[in-house]
Amino acid sequence: MSLFSIIIKGGWLLVPIFLASVIAVAIVIDRYIVIRRSKLNVPSFLVKIRGFLKRGDIQGASEFCMEDKSPAANIVKKALKKYNLGHERVKEAIESAGKQEINKLEKGLSVLATISGVAPLLGFLGTVTGMISAFMRIEDLQGAANPSDLAGGIWEALLTTAFGLAVGIIAFTFYNYLVTAVNKLVLDMEVISNDVVDILEEVRLSSKNPRV
């Protein structure tokens, strides 16, 4: 039995469930690629950034961040642009850039969470409507329905529940995985941002009070 024939037998509610599964797969693949590209070797990145900043090479640090293109590097790059405007402006730039990068990383996750909750409900709805149709058929046959009539109607009605639960479970599993991965990236960004703020402040103070 082909997938198309199963969808036809399962009723029209299998169509939105199937579309939801396609959307979920697209989101999972897209987010996985984005998160994988956003991963960063935090210790190595911090060592290189510290080297540039300790030497007072703000331009070099900015160019290094432009080459890296990770969310953390984008945050640091925007902070470095505000270096000459003072400590508070640097912190504001980091907070603003951080929110933007987090929104980019979380794009589509709310849709995935919705699918994980709605797909099983659509499946249950399809089963209820299918059971109603089965009992209406029994009524039309005035109680003369044979077991095959009932079995066919019931398994067709249960198809939507099976598909809805399958889509919901898979979507919820990947949602949790992606949320965990995003939270790990956010933690890395916070560590790098705090370290850069401290280094910039040290550089600023040392430039104001040069050693004799």
N, C-alpha and C. Protein backbone atom coordinates (compact mmCIF):
# COMPACT_ATOMS: atom_id res chain seq x y z
N MET A 1 0.85 -1.20 0.00
CA MET A 1 0.00 0.00 0.00
C MET A 1 0.89 1.25 0.00
N SER A 2 0.64 2.15 -0.93
CA SER A 2 1.47 3.35 -1.04
C SER A 2 1.06 4.39 0.00
N LEU A 3 1.95 5.36 0.20
CA LEU A 3 1.67 6.44 1.14
C LEU A 3 0.46 7.24 0.73
N PHE A 4 0.31 7.45 -0.58
CA PHE A 4 -0.84 8.22 -1.09
C PHE A 4 -2.15 7.52 -0.77
N SER A 5 -2.17 6.19 -0.98
CA SER A 5 -3.40 5.44 -0.71
C SER A 5 -3.73 5.41 0.77
N ILE A 6 -2.69 5.39 1.61
CA ILE A 6 -2.93 5.43 3.06
C ILE A 6 -3.54 6.77 3.46
N ILE A 7 -3.02 7.86 2.87
CA ILE A 7 -3.56 9.19 3.17
C ILE A 7 -5.01 9.27 2.74
N ILE A 8 -5.33 8.71 1.57
CA ILE A 8 -6.71 8.72 1.08
C ILE A 8 -7.63 7.96 2.04
N LYS A 9 -7.19 6.78 2.48
CA LYS A 9 -8.00 5.97 3.38
C LYS A 9 -8.12 6.60 4.76
N GLY A 10 -7.10 7.30 5.18
CA GLY A 10 -7.11 7.90 6.51
C GLY A 10 -7.99 9.12 6.62
N GLY A 11 -8.43 9.66 5.51
CA GLY A 11 -9.31 10.83 5.56
C GLY A 11 -8.56 12.12 5.34
N TRP A 12 -9.31 13.18 5.21
CA TRP A 12 -8.72 14.48 4.84
C TRP A 12 -7.84 15.05 5.94
N LEU A 13 -8.03 14.64 7.20
CA LEU A 13 -7.19 15.17 8.28
C LEU A 13 -5.75 14.66 8.21
N LEU A 14 -5.53 13.59 7.45
CA LEU A 14 -4.14 13.14 7.27
C LEU A 14 -3.34 14.11 6.39
N VAL A 15 -4.05 14.89 5.58
CA VAL A 15 -3.35 15.85 4.71
C VAL A 15 -2.62 16.92 5.51
N PRO A 16 -3.31 17.62 6.45
CA PRO A 16 -2.56 18.61 7.25
C PRO A 16 -1.48 17.98 8.12
N ILE A 17 -1.70 16.74 8.59
CA ILE A 17 -0.67 16.06 9.38
C ILE A 17 0.56 15.79 8.51
N PHE A 18 0.31 15.35 7.28
CA PHE A 18 1.42 15.09 6.36
C PHE A 18 2.15 16.39 6.02
N LEU A 19 1.42 17.47 5.78
CA LEU A 19 2.06 18.77 5.50
C LEU A 19 2.86 19.25 6.70
N ALA A 20 2.31 19.03 7.90
CA ALA A 20 3.02 19.41 9.12
C ALA A 20 4.34 18.65 9.25
N SER A 21 4.31 17.38 8.86
CA SER A 21 5.55 16.59 8.93
C SER A 21 6.60 17.11 7.96
N VAL A 22 6.16 17.54 6.78
CA VAL A 22 7.10 18.10 5.79
C VAL A 22 7.71 19.39 6.32
N ILE A 23 6.88 20.26 6.92
CA ILE A 23 7.37 21.52 7.49
C ILE A 23 8.34 21.24 8.63
N ALA A 24 8.00 20.26 9.47
CA ALA A 24 8.87 19.91 10.60
C ALA A 24 10.23 19.44 10.12
N VAL A 25 10.25 18.59 9.10
CA VAL A 25 11.52 18.08 8.56
C VAL A 25 12.35 19.24 8.01
N ALA A 26 11.70 20.16 7.29
CA ALA A 26 12.41 21.31 6.72
C ALA A 26 13.02 22.17 7.83
N ILE A 27 12.27 22.41 8.90
CA ILE A 27 12.78 23.22 10.01
C ILE A 27 13.95 22.53 10.69
N VAL A 28 13.82 21.23 10.95
CA VAL A 28 14.88 20.49 11.62
C VAL A 28 16.18 20.53 10.81
N ILE A 29 16.09 20.29 9.53
CA ILE A 29 17.28 20.31 8.67
C ILE A 29 17.91 21.70 8.65
N ASP A 30 17.06 22.72 8.48
CA ASP A 30 17.55 24.10 8.43
C ASP A 30 18.24 24.50 9.73
N ARG A 31 17.59 24.22 10.87
CA ARG A 31 18.17 24.59 12.17
C ARG A 31 19.44 23.79 12.47
N TYR A 32 19.47 22.54 12.06
CA TYR A 32 20.66 21.72 12.31
C TYR A 32 21.86 22.30 11.56
N ILE A 33 21.64 22.70 10.32
CA ILE A 33 22.72 23.29 9.53
C ILE A 33 23.19 24.60 10.15
N VAL A 34 22.23 25.45 10.56
CA VAL A 34 22.57 26.75 11.15
C VAL A 34 23.35 26.56 12.45
N ILE A 35 22.87 25.65 13.31
CA ILE A 35 23.53 25.43 14.59
C ILE A 35 24.92 24.84 14.40
N ARG A 36 25.05 23.93 13.45
CA ARG A 36 26.36 23.32 13.19
C ARG A 36 27.36 24.37 12.72
N ARG A 37 26.90 25.29 11.87
CA ARG A 37 27.79 26.35 11.38
C ARG A 37 28.11 27.37 12.48
N SER A 38 27.25 27.46 13.47
CA SER A 38 27.42 28.45 14.54
C SER A 38 28.33 27.99 15.66
N LYS A 39 28.66 26.69 15.67
CA LYS A 39 29.51 26.17 16.75
C LYS A 39 30.90 26.78 16.66
N LEU A 40 31.48 26.96 17.85
CA LEU A 40 32.74 27.69 17.94
C LEU A 40 33.64 27.04 18.99
N ASN A 41 34.93 27.03 18.70
CA ASN A 41 35.91 26.60 19.69
C ASN A 41 36.18 27.78 20.61
N VAL A 42 35.47 27.83 21.73
CA VAL A 42 35.50 29.00 22.61
C VAL A 42 36.91 29.32 23.12
N PRO A 43 37.64 28.36 23.68
CA PRO A 43 38.98 28.70 24.17
C PRO A 43 39.90 29.27 23.09
N SER A 44 39.90 28.64 21.91
CA SER A 44 40.75 29.12 20.82
C SER A 44 40.34 30.52 20.37
N PHE A 45 39.03 30.75 20.28
CA PHE A 45 38.54 32.06 19.85
C PHE A 45 38.95 33.14 20.85
N LEU A 46 38.79 32.85 22.14
CA LEU A 46 39.13 33.82 23.17
C LEU A 46 40.62 34.13 23.20
N VAL A 47 41.45 33.11 22.99
CA VAL A 47 42.90 33.33 22.97
C VAL A 47 43.28 34.31 21.85
N LYS A 48 42.69 34.11 20.67
CA LYS A 48 43.01 34.98 19.54
C LYS A 48 42.48 36.39 19.76
N ILE A 49 41.26 36.50 20.28
CA ILE A 49 40.69 37.83 20.54
C ILE A 49 41.49 38.56 21.61
N ARG A 50 41.87 37.84 22.66
CA ARG A 50 42.69 38.46 23.72
C ARG A 50 44.01 38.98 23.14
N GLY A 51 44.60 38.20 22.25
CA GLY A 51 45.86 38.62 21.65
C GLY A 51 45.73 39.93 20.89
N PHE A 52 44.67 40.05 20.09
CA PHE A 52 44.45 41.29 19.35
C PHE A 52 44.20 42.46 20.29
N LEU A 53 43.31 42.26 21.27
CA LEU A 53 42.90 43.35 22.15
C LEU A 53 44.02 43.80 23.09
N LYS A 54 44.81 42.84 23.57
CA LYS A 54 45.92 43.20 24.45
C LYS A 54 46.94 44.07 23.73
N ARG A 55 47.06 43.84 22.42
CA ARG A 55 47.98 44.66 21.61
C ARG A 55 47.34 45.97 21.19
N GLY A 56 46.06 46.13 21.51
CA GLY A 56 45.34 47.33 21.10
C GLY A 56 44.95 47.33 19.64
N ASP A 57 44.97 46.16 19.02
CA ASP A 57 44.66 46.03 17.59
C ASP A 57 43.16 45.76 17.43
N ILE A 58 42.37 46.80 17.57
CA ILE A 58 40.91 46.67 17.44
C ILE A 58 40.51 46.31 16.02
N GLN A 59 41.20 46.90 15.05
CA GLN A 59 40.90 46.62 13.65
C GLN A 59 41.18 45.17 13.32
N GLY A 60 42.29 44.64 13.82
CA GLY A 60 42.63 43.24 13.58
C GLY A 60 41.61 42.30 14.21
N ALA A 61 41.14 42.65 15.40
CA ALA A 61 40.12 41.83 16.07
C ALA A 61 38.82 41.85 15.28
N SER A 62 38.46 43.02 14.74
CA SER A 62 37.24 43.13 13.93
C SER A 62 37.34 42.30 12.66
N GLU A 63 38.48 42.35 12.02
CA GLU A 63 38.67 41.57 10.79
C GLU A 63 38.63 40.07 11.08
N PHE A 64 39.19 39.68 12.21
CA PHE A 64 39.15 38.27 12.60
C PHE A 64 37.71 37.81 12.82
N CYS A 65 36.90 38.65 13.45
CA CYS A 65 35.48 38.33 13.69
C CYS A 65 34.70 38.26 12.38
N MET A 66 35.05 39.12 11.44
CA MET A 66 34.37 39.11 10.14
C MET A 66 34.66 37.81 9.39
N GLU A 67 35.85 37.28 9.56
CA GLU A 67 36.22 36.02 8.90
C GLU A 67 35.53 34.83 9.56
N ASP A 68 35.32 34.89 10.86
CA ASP A 68 34.73 33.76 11.59
C ASP A 68 33.26 33.57 11.28
N LYS A 69 32.47 34.65 11.32
CA LYS A 69 31.05 34.67 10.94
C LYS A 69 30.12 33.86 11.85
N SER A 70 30.59 33.46 13.02
CA SER A 70 29.73 32.77 13.98
C SER A 70 28.92 33.82 14.74
N PRO A 71 27.81 33.43 15.42
CA PRO A 71 27.03 34.39 16.20
C PRO A 71 27.87 35.13 17.24
N ALA A 72 28.75 34.39 17.94
CA ALA A 72 29.60 35.03 18.94
C ALA A 72 30.52 36.06 18.30
N ALA A 73 31.08 35.72 17.15
CA ALA A 73 31.97 36.65 16.44
C ALA A 73 31.21 37.89 15.99
N ASN A 74 29.96 37.72 15.56
CA ASN A 74 29.14 38.87 15.16
C ASN A 74 28.89 39.80 16.33
N ILE A 75 28.66 39.22 17.51
CA ILE A 75 28.43 40.04 18.71
C ILE A 75 29.68 40.84 19.05
N VAL A 76 30.81 40.16 19.06
CA VAL A 76 32.07 40.83 19.38
C VAL A 76 32.38 41.93 18.36
N LYS A 77 32.12 41.65 17.10
CA LYS A 77 32.38 42.63 16.04
C LYS A 77 31.58 43.91 16.26
N LYS A 78 30.30 43.76 16.62
CA LYS A 78 29.46 44.94 16.86
C LYS A 78 29.89 45.67 18.13
N ALA A 79 30.40 44.93 19.12
CA ALA A 79 30.89 45.57 20.33
C ALA A 79 32.15 46.39 20.05
N LEU A 80 33.01 45.85 19.21
CA LEU A 80 34.26 46.55 18.89
C LEU A 80 34.00 47.85 18.13
N LYS A 81 32.91 47.89 17.37
CA LYS A 81 32.57 49.12 16.64
C LYS A 81 32.23 50.26 17.59
N LYS A 82 31.77 49.90 18.80
CA LYS A 82 31.38 50.92 19.79
C LYS A 82 32.48 51.18 20.82
N TYR A 83 33.65 50.62 20.58
CA TYR A 83 34.73 50.72 21.57
C TYR A 83 35.06 52.16 21.94
N ASN A 84 35.12 53.03 20.95
CA ASN A 84 35.49 54.43 21.20
C ASN A 84 34.39 55.24 21.87
N LEU A 85 33.19 54.67 21.98
CA LEU A 85 32.07 55.40 22.57
C LEU A 85 31.90 55.12 24.06
N GLY A 86 32.72 54.26 24.61
CA GLY A 86 32.67 54.04 26.05
C GLY A 86 32.16 52.66 26.43
N HIS A 87 32.38 52.32 27.70
CA HIS A 87 32.05 51.00 28.24
C HIS A 87 30.56 50.69 28.14
N GLU A 88 29.73 51.65 28.48
CA GLU A 88 28.27 51.41 28.48
C GLU A 88 27.74 51.14 27.08
N ARG A 89 28.26 51.88 26.11
CA ARG A 89 27.81 51.67 24.73
C ARG A 89 28.25 50.29 24.23
N VAL A 90 29.40 49.83 24.68
CA VAL A 90 29.86 48.49 24.30
C VAL A 90 28.91 47.44 24.86
N LYS A 91 28.53 47.58 26.14
CA LYS A 91 27.62 46.63 26.76
C LYS A 91 26.25 46.65 26.07
N GLU A 92 25.77 47.85 25.72
CA GLU A 92 24.49 47.96 25.01
C GLU A 92 24.55 47.28 23.64
N ALA A 93 25.67 47.46 22.96
CA ALA A 93 25.84 46.84 21.63
C ALA A 93 25.84 45.32 21.76
N ILE A 94 26.49 44.80 22.80
CA ILE A 94 26.54 43.35 23.02
C ILE A 94 25.15 42.81 23.32
N GLU A 95 24.39 43.50 24.17
CA GLU A 95 23.04 43.04 24.51
C GLU A 95 22.13 43.05 23.29
N SER A 96 22.21 44.13 22.51
CA SER A 96 21.37 44.22 21.30
C SER A 96 21.75 43.16 20.27
N ALA A 97 23.04 43.00 20.03
CA ALA A 97 23.50 42.01 19.06
C ALA A 97 23.19 40.60 19.55
N GLY A 98 23.29 40.38 20.86
CA GLY A 98 22.99 39.07 21.42
C GLY A 98 21.54 38.67 21.19
N LYS A 99 20.63 39.61 21.40
CA LYS A 99 19.21 39.34 21.18
C LYS A 99 18.94 39.00 19.71
N GLN A 100 19.59 39.73 18.81
CA GLN A 100 19.41 39.47 17.38
C GLN A 100 19.92 38.08 17.00
N GLU A 101 21.08 37.71 17.52
CA GLU A 101 21.65 36.41 17.19
C GLU A 101 20.81 35.27 17.77
N ILE A 102 20.28 35.46 18.98
CA ILE A 102 19.43 34.43 19.59
C ILE A 102 18.16 34.26 18.78
N ASN A 103 17.57 35.37 18.33
CA ASN A 103 16.37 35.28 17.50
C ASN A 103 16.64 34.53 16.20
N LYS A 104 17.81 34.74 15.63
CA LYS A 104 18.17 34.02 14.41
C LYS A 104 18.30 32.53 14.67
N LEU A 105 18.92 32.17 15.80
CA LEU A 105 19.11 30.76 16.13
C LEU A 105 17.79 30.07 16.44
N GLU A 106 16.85 30.79 17.05
CA GLU A 106 15.58 30.19 17.46
C GLU A 106 14.50 30.26 16.38
N LYS A 107 14.86 30.79 15.22
CA LYS A 107 13.88 30.92 14.13
C LYS A 107 13.30 29.55 13.76
N GLY A 108 11.97 29.45 13.78
CA GLY A 108 11.30 28.22 13.38
C GLY A 108 11.05 27.25 14.51
N LEU A 109 11.71 27.43 15.65
CA LEU A 109 11.53 26.48 16.75
C LEU A 109 10.13 26.55 17.35
N SER A 110 9.53 27.73 17.36
CA SER A 110 8.15 27.84 17.88
C SER A 110 7.18 27.09 16.97
N VAL A 111 7.43 27.11 15.66
CA VAL A 111 6.59 26.36 14.72
C VAL A 111 6.74 24.87 14.96
N LEU A 112 7.98 24.44 15.20
CA LEU A 112 8.24 23.02 15.47
C LEU A 112 7.54 22.57 16.76
N ALA A 113 7.57 23.43 17.78
CA ALA A 113 6.88 23.12 19.04
C ALA A 113 5.37 23.02 18.82
N THR A 114 4.83 23.92 18.00
CA THR A 114 3.40 23.89 17.69
C THR A 114 3.01 22.60 16.98
N ILE A 115 3.83 22.20 16.02
CA ILE A 115 3.57 20.95 15.28
C ILE A 115 3.59 19.75 16.22
N SER A 116 4.54 19.74 17.16
CA SER A 116 4.63 18.60 18.09
C SER A 116 3.39 18.48 18.97
N GLY A 117 2.71 19.61 19.20
CA GLY A 117 1.49 19.57 20.01
C GLY A 117 0.23 19.38 19.20
N VAL A 118 0.19 19.99 18.02
CA VAL A 118 -1.04 19.98 17.21
C VAL A 118 -1.21 18.69 16.43
N ALA A 119 -0.12 18.10 15.95
CA ALA A 119 -0.22 16.88 15.13
C ALA A 119 -0.96 15.74 15.84
N PRO A 120 -0.64 15.42 17.11
CA PRO A 120 -1.41 14.36 17.79
C PRO A 120 -2.88 14.72 17.96
N LEU A 121 -3.15 16.02 18.21
CA LEU A 121 -4.54 16.43 18.38
C LEU A 121 -5.32 16.28 17.08
N LEU A 122 -4.69 16.60 15.96
CA LEU A 122 -5.33 16.38 14.66
C LEU A 122 -5.58 14.90 14.44
N GLY A 123 -4.63 14.08 14.88
CA GLY A 123 -4.80 12.63 14.75
C GLY A 123 -5.98 12.12 15.56
N PHE A 124 -6.11 12.60 16.80
CA PHE A 124 -7.25 12.19 17.63
C PHE A 124 -8.57 12.68 17.04
N LEU A 125 -8.55 13.90 16.47
CA LEU A 125 -9.75 14.43 15.84
C LEU A 125 -10.16 13.56 14.66
N GLY A 126 -9.15 13.13 13.87
CA GLY A 126 -9.45 12.27 12.73
C GLY A 126 -10.03 10.94 13.16
N THR A 127 -9.55 10.39 14.26
CA THR A 127 -10.08 9.13 14.77
C THR A 127 -11.52 9.29 15.24
N VAL A 128 -11.79 10.38 15.94
CA VAL A 128 -13.16 10.63 16.43
C VAL A 128 -14.13 10.77 15.27
N THR A 129 -13.74 11.58 14.26
CA THR A 129 -14.64 11.75 13.11
C THR A 129 -14.80 10.43 12.34
N GLY A 130 -13.70 9.64 12.29
CA GLY A 130 -13.78 8.34 11.61
C GLY A 130 -14.70 7.37 12.34
N MET A 131 -14.63 7.38 13.67
CA MET A 131 -15.51 6.51 14.46
C MET A 131 -16.97 6.94 14.32
N ILE A 132 -17.17 8.24 14.25
CA ILE A 132 -18.54 8.73 14.04
C ILE A 132 -19.08 8.21 12.71
N SER A 133 -18.24 8.28 11.67
CA SER A 133 -18.66 7.78 10.36
C SER A 133 -18.95 6.28 10.40
N ALA A 134 -18.11 5.52 11.17
CA ALA A 134 -18.32 4.07 11.27
C ALA A 134 -19.66 3.75 11.94
N PHE A 135 -19.98 4.45 12.99
CA PHE A 135 -21.25 4.21 13.68
C PHE A 135 -22.44 4.68 12.85
N MET A 136 -22.23 5.73 12.07
CA MET A 136 -23.31 6.16 11.16
C MET A 136 -23.57 5.09 10.11
N ARG A 137 -22.50 4.40 9.67
CA ARG A 137 -22.66 3.32 8.70
C ARG A 137 -23.45 2.16 9.31
N ILE A 138 -23.16 1.87 10.59
CA ILE A 138 -23.89 0.80 11.28
C ILE A 138 -25.37 1.16 11.35
N GLU A 139 -25.63 2.42 11.62
CA GLU A 139 -27.03 2.85 11.70
C GLU A 139 -27.71 2.73 10.34
N ASP A 140 -26.98 3.11 9.27
CA ASP A 140 -27.56 3.01 7.93
C ASP A 140 -27.88 1.57 7.55
N LEU A 141 -27.01 0.64 8.03
CA LEU A 141 -27.23 -0.78 7.74
C LEU A 141 -28.22 -1.42 8.71
N GLN A 142 -28.75 -0.60 9.61
CA GLN A 142 -29.77 -1.05 10.58
C GLN A 142 -29.27 -2.25 11.41
N GLY A 143 -28.00 -2.15 11.83
CA GLY A 143 -27.44 -3.18 12.70
C GLY A 143 -26.99 -4.43 11.99
N ALA A 144 -27.09 -4.45 10.66
CA ALA A 144 -26.72 -5.66 9.91
C ALA A 144 -25.29 -5.62 9.42
N ALA A 145 -24.49 -4.73 9.97
CA ALA A 145 -23.10 -4.62 9.53
C ALA A 145 -22.31 -5.84 9.98
N ASN A 146 -21.46 -6.35 9.08
CA ASN A 146 -20.62 -7.49 9.44
C ASN A 146 -19.29 -7.00 10.03
N PRO A 147 -18.52 -7.88 10.68
CA PRO A 147 -17.27 -7.47 11.32
C PRO A 147 -16.28 -6.79 10.38
N SER A 148 -16.27 -7.18 9.11
CA SER A 148 -15.33 -6.57 8.17
C SER A 148 -15.66 -5.11 7.93
N ASP A 149 -16.96 -4.78 7.92
CA ASP A 149 -17.37 -3.38 7.77
C ASP A 149 -16.84 -2.55 8.93
N LEU A 150 -16.97 -3.08 10.15
CA LEU A 150 -16.53 -2.35 11.34
C LEU A 150 -15.01 -2.24 11.38
N ALA A 151 -14.32 -3.36 11.09
CA ALA A 151 -12.86 -3.38 11.17
C ALA A 151 -12.25 -2.39 10.19
N GLY A 152 -12.79 -2.37 8.97
CA GLY A 152 -12.27 -1.45 7.97
C GLY A 152 -12.43 -0.01 8.39
N GLY A 153 -13.59 0.35 8.88
CA GLY A 153 -13.82 1.73 9.31
C GLY A 153 -12.97 2.12 10.49
N ILE A 154 -12.77 1.20 11.42
CA ILE A 154 -12.01 1.53 12.63
C ILE A 154 -10.52 1.70 12.33
N TRP A 155 -9.94 0.77 11.53
CA TRP A 155 -8.49 0.92 11.28
C TRP A 155 -8.18 2.14 10.42
N GLU A 156 -9.11 2.48 9.54
CA GLU A 156 -8.92 3.69 8.76
C GLU A 156 -8.98 4.92 9.65
N ALA A 157 -9.89 4.88 10.66
CA ALA A 157 -10.01 6.01 11.58
C ALA A 157 -8.76 6.13 12.46
N LEU A 158 -8.19 4.99 12.85
CA LEU A 158 -7.02 5.02 13.73
C LEU A 158 -5.74 5.43 13.01
N LEU A 159 -5.76 5.44 11.68
CA LEU A 159 -4.58 5.86 10.92
C LEU A 159 -4.16 7.28 11.30
N THR A 160 -5.12 8.15 11.45
CA THR A 160 -4.79 9.55 11.76
C THR A 160 -4.12 9.67 13.12
N THR A 161 -4.60 8.89 14.09
CA THR A 161 -3.97 8.93 15.41
C THR A 161 -2.53 8.44 15.33
N ALA A 162 -2.31 7.34 14.61
CA ALA A 162 -0.96 6.79 14.49
C ALA A 162 -0.02 7.79 13.82
N PHE A 163 -0.46 8.39 12.73
CA PHE A 163 0.38 9.36 12.02
C PHE A 163 0.59 10.61 12.86
N GLY A 164 -0.48 11.09 13.50
CA GLY A 164 -0.38 12.29 14.33
C GLY A 164 0.59 12.09 15.49
N LEU A 165 0.50 10.94 16.15
CA LEU A 165 1.42 10.67 17.26
C LEU A 165 2.85 10.54 16.77
N ALA A 166 3.04 9.88 15.65
CA ALA A 166 4.40 9.71 15.11
C ALA A 166 5.04 11.06 14.80
N VAL A 167 4.27 11.91 14.11
CA VAL A 167 4.79 13.25 13.77
C VAL A 167 5.05 14.05 15.03
N GLY A 168 4.11 13.99 15.99
CA GLY A 168 4.26 14.76 17.22
C GLY A 168 5.47 14.32 18.04
N ILE A 169 5.66 13.02 18.17
CA ILE A 169 6.79 12.50 18.97
C ILE A 169 8.12 12.88 18.34
N ILE A 170 8.23 12.69 17.03
CA ILE A 170 9.49 13.02 16.33
C ILE A 170 9.77 14.52 16.40
N ALA A 171 8.74 15.34 16.17
CA ALA A 171 8.92 16.79 16.21
C ALA A 171 9.32 17.25 17.61
N PHE A 172 8.70 16.68 18.63
CA PHE A 172 9.02 17.08 20.01
C PHE A 172 10.44 16.68 20.39
N THR A 173 10.86 15.50 19.94
CA THR A 173 12.22 15.04 20.23
C THR A 173 13.26 15.97 19.61
N PHE A 174 13.07 16.31 18.33
CA PHE A 174 14.02 17.21 17.67
C PHE A 174 13.94 18.62 18.23
N TYR A 175 12.74 19.04 18.65
CA TYR A 175 12.61 20.37 19.26
C TYR A 175 13.47 20.47 20.51
N ASN A 176 13.38 19.46 21.38
CA ASN A 176 14.19 19.46 22.60
C ASN A 176 15.69 19.43 22.29
N TYR A 177 16.07 18.66 21.27
CA TYR A 177 17.47 18.59 20.88
C TYR A 177 17.97 19.95 20.40
N LEU A 178 17.18 20.60 19.55
CA LEU A 178 17.58 21.90 19.00
C LEU A 178 17.61 22.98 20.07
N VAL A 179 16.64 22.96 20.99
CA VAL A 179 16.62 23.95 22.07
C VAL A 179 17.86 23.80 22.95
N THR A 180 18.23 22.56 23.24
CA THR A 180 19.44 22.31 24.03
C THR A 180 20.68 22.82 23.31
N ALA A 181 20.75 22.58 22.01
CA ALA A 181 21.90 23.05 21.22
C ALA A 181 21.97 24.57 21.19
N VAL A 182 20.81 25.22 21.04
CA VAL A 182 20.77 26.68 21.02
C VAL A 182 21.19 27.24 22.38
N ASN A 183 20.72 26.64 23.46
CA ASN A 183 21.09 27.10 24.80
C ASN A 183 22.60 26.99 25.03
N LYS A 184 23.20 25.93 24.49
CA LYS A 184 24.65 25.77 24.60
C LYS A 184 25.37 26.89 23.85
N LEU A 185 24.88 27.25 22.68
CA LEU A 185 25.48 28.34 21.92
C LEU A 185 25.31 29.67 22.64
N VAL A 186 24.13 29.87 23.23
CA VAL A 186 23.87 31.12 23.97
C VAL A 186 24.83 31.23 25.15
N LEU A 187 25.06 30.13 25.85
CA LEU A 187 26.00 30.13 26.97
C LEU A 187 27.41 30.49 26.50
N ASP A 188 27.81 29.92 25.37
CA ASP A 188 29.13 30.25 24.81
C ASP A 188 29.22 31.74 24.45
N MET A 189 28.14 32.28 23.89
CA MET A 189 28.13 33.69 23.53
C MET A 189 28.25 34.58 24.76
N GLU A 190 27.58 34.18 25.85
CA GLU A 190 27.66 34.96 27.09
C GLU A 190 29.07 34.94 27.65
N VAL A 191 29.70 33.77 27.63
CA VAL A 191 31.08 33.65 28.15
C VAL A 191 32.02 34.55 27.35
N ILE A 192 31.91 34.47 26.02
CA ILE A 192 32.79 35.27 25.16
C ILE A 192 32.51 36.76 25.33
N SER A 193 31.24 37.15 25.39
CA SER A 193 30.88 38.56 25.51
C SER A 193 31.40 39.15 26.82
N ASN A 194 31.21 38.43 27.92
CA ASN A 194 31.69 38.92 29.22
C ASN A 194 33.21 39.05 29.22
N ASP A 195 33.88 38.09 28.63
CA ASP A 195 35.34 38.13 28.59
C ASP A 195 35.83 39.31 27.76
N VAL A 196 35.18 39.54 26.62
CA VAL A 196 35.57 40.66 25.76
C VAL A 196 35.34 41.99 26.45
N VAL A 197 34.21 42.13 27.16
CA VAL A 197 33.93 43.37 27.89
C VAL A 197 35.02 43.64 28.92
N ASP A 198 35.40 42.60 29.65
CA ASP A 198 36.45 42.76 30.66
C ASP A 198 37.79 43.15 30.04
N ILE A 199 38.13 42.51 28.93
CA ILE A 199 39.40 42.82 28.27
C ILE A 199 39.41 44.25 27.75
N LEU A 200 38.30 44.67 27.13
CA LEU A 200 38.22 46.03 26.61
C LEU A 200 38.35 47.06 27.72
N GLU A 201 37.76 46.75 28.86
CA GLU A 201 37.86 47.67 29.99
C GLU A 201 39.30 47.74 30.50
N GLU A 202 39.98 46.59 30.53
CA GLU A 202 41.38 46.57 30.94
C GLU A 202 42.24 47.39 29.98
N VAL A 203 41.99 47.23 28.69
CA VAL A 203 42.74 47.98 27.68
C VAL A 203 42.50 49.47 27.83
N ARG A 204 41.23 49.84 28.09
CA ARG A 204 40.89 51.26 28.23
C ARG A 204 41.60 51.86 29.46
N LEU A 205 41.59 51.13 30.57
CA LEU A 205 42.22 51.63 31.79
C LEU A 205 43.74 51.72 31.64
N SER A 206 44.31 50.73 30.97
CA SER A 206 45.77 50.75 30.79
C SER A 206 46.21 51.88 29.87
N SER A 207 45.32 52.22 28.89
CA SER A 207 45.65 53.33 27.99
C SER A 207 45.56 54.68 28.71
N LYS A 208 44.66 54.75 29.71
CA LYS A 208 44.53 56.00 30.48
C LYS A 208 45.63 56.14 31.52
N ASN A 209 46.11 55.00 32.00
CA ASN A 209 47.15 55.03 33.03
C ASN A 209 48.37 54.24 32.57
N PRO A 210 49.09 54.73 31.58
CA PRO A 210 50.25 54.00 31.07
C PRO A 210 51.34 53.88 32.12
N ARG A 211 52.02 52.72 32.08
CA ARG A 211 53.11 52.52 33.02
C ARG A 211 54.31 53.37 32.64
N VAL A 212 54.95 53.86 33.65
CA VAL A 212 56.14 54.71 33.42
C VAL A 212 57.37 53.82 33.24
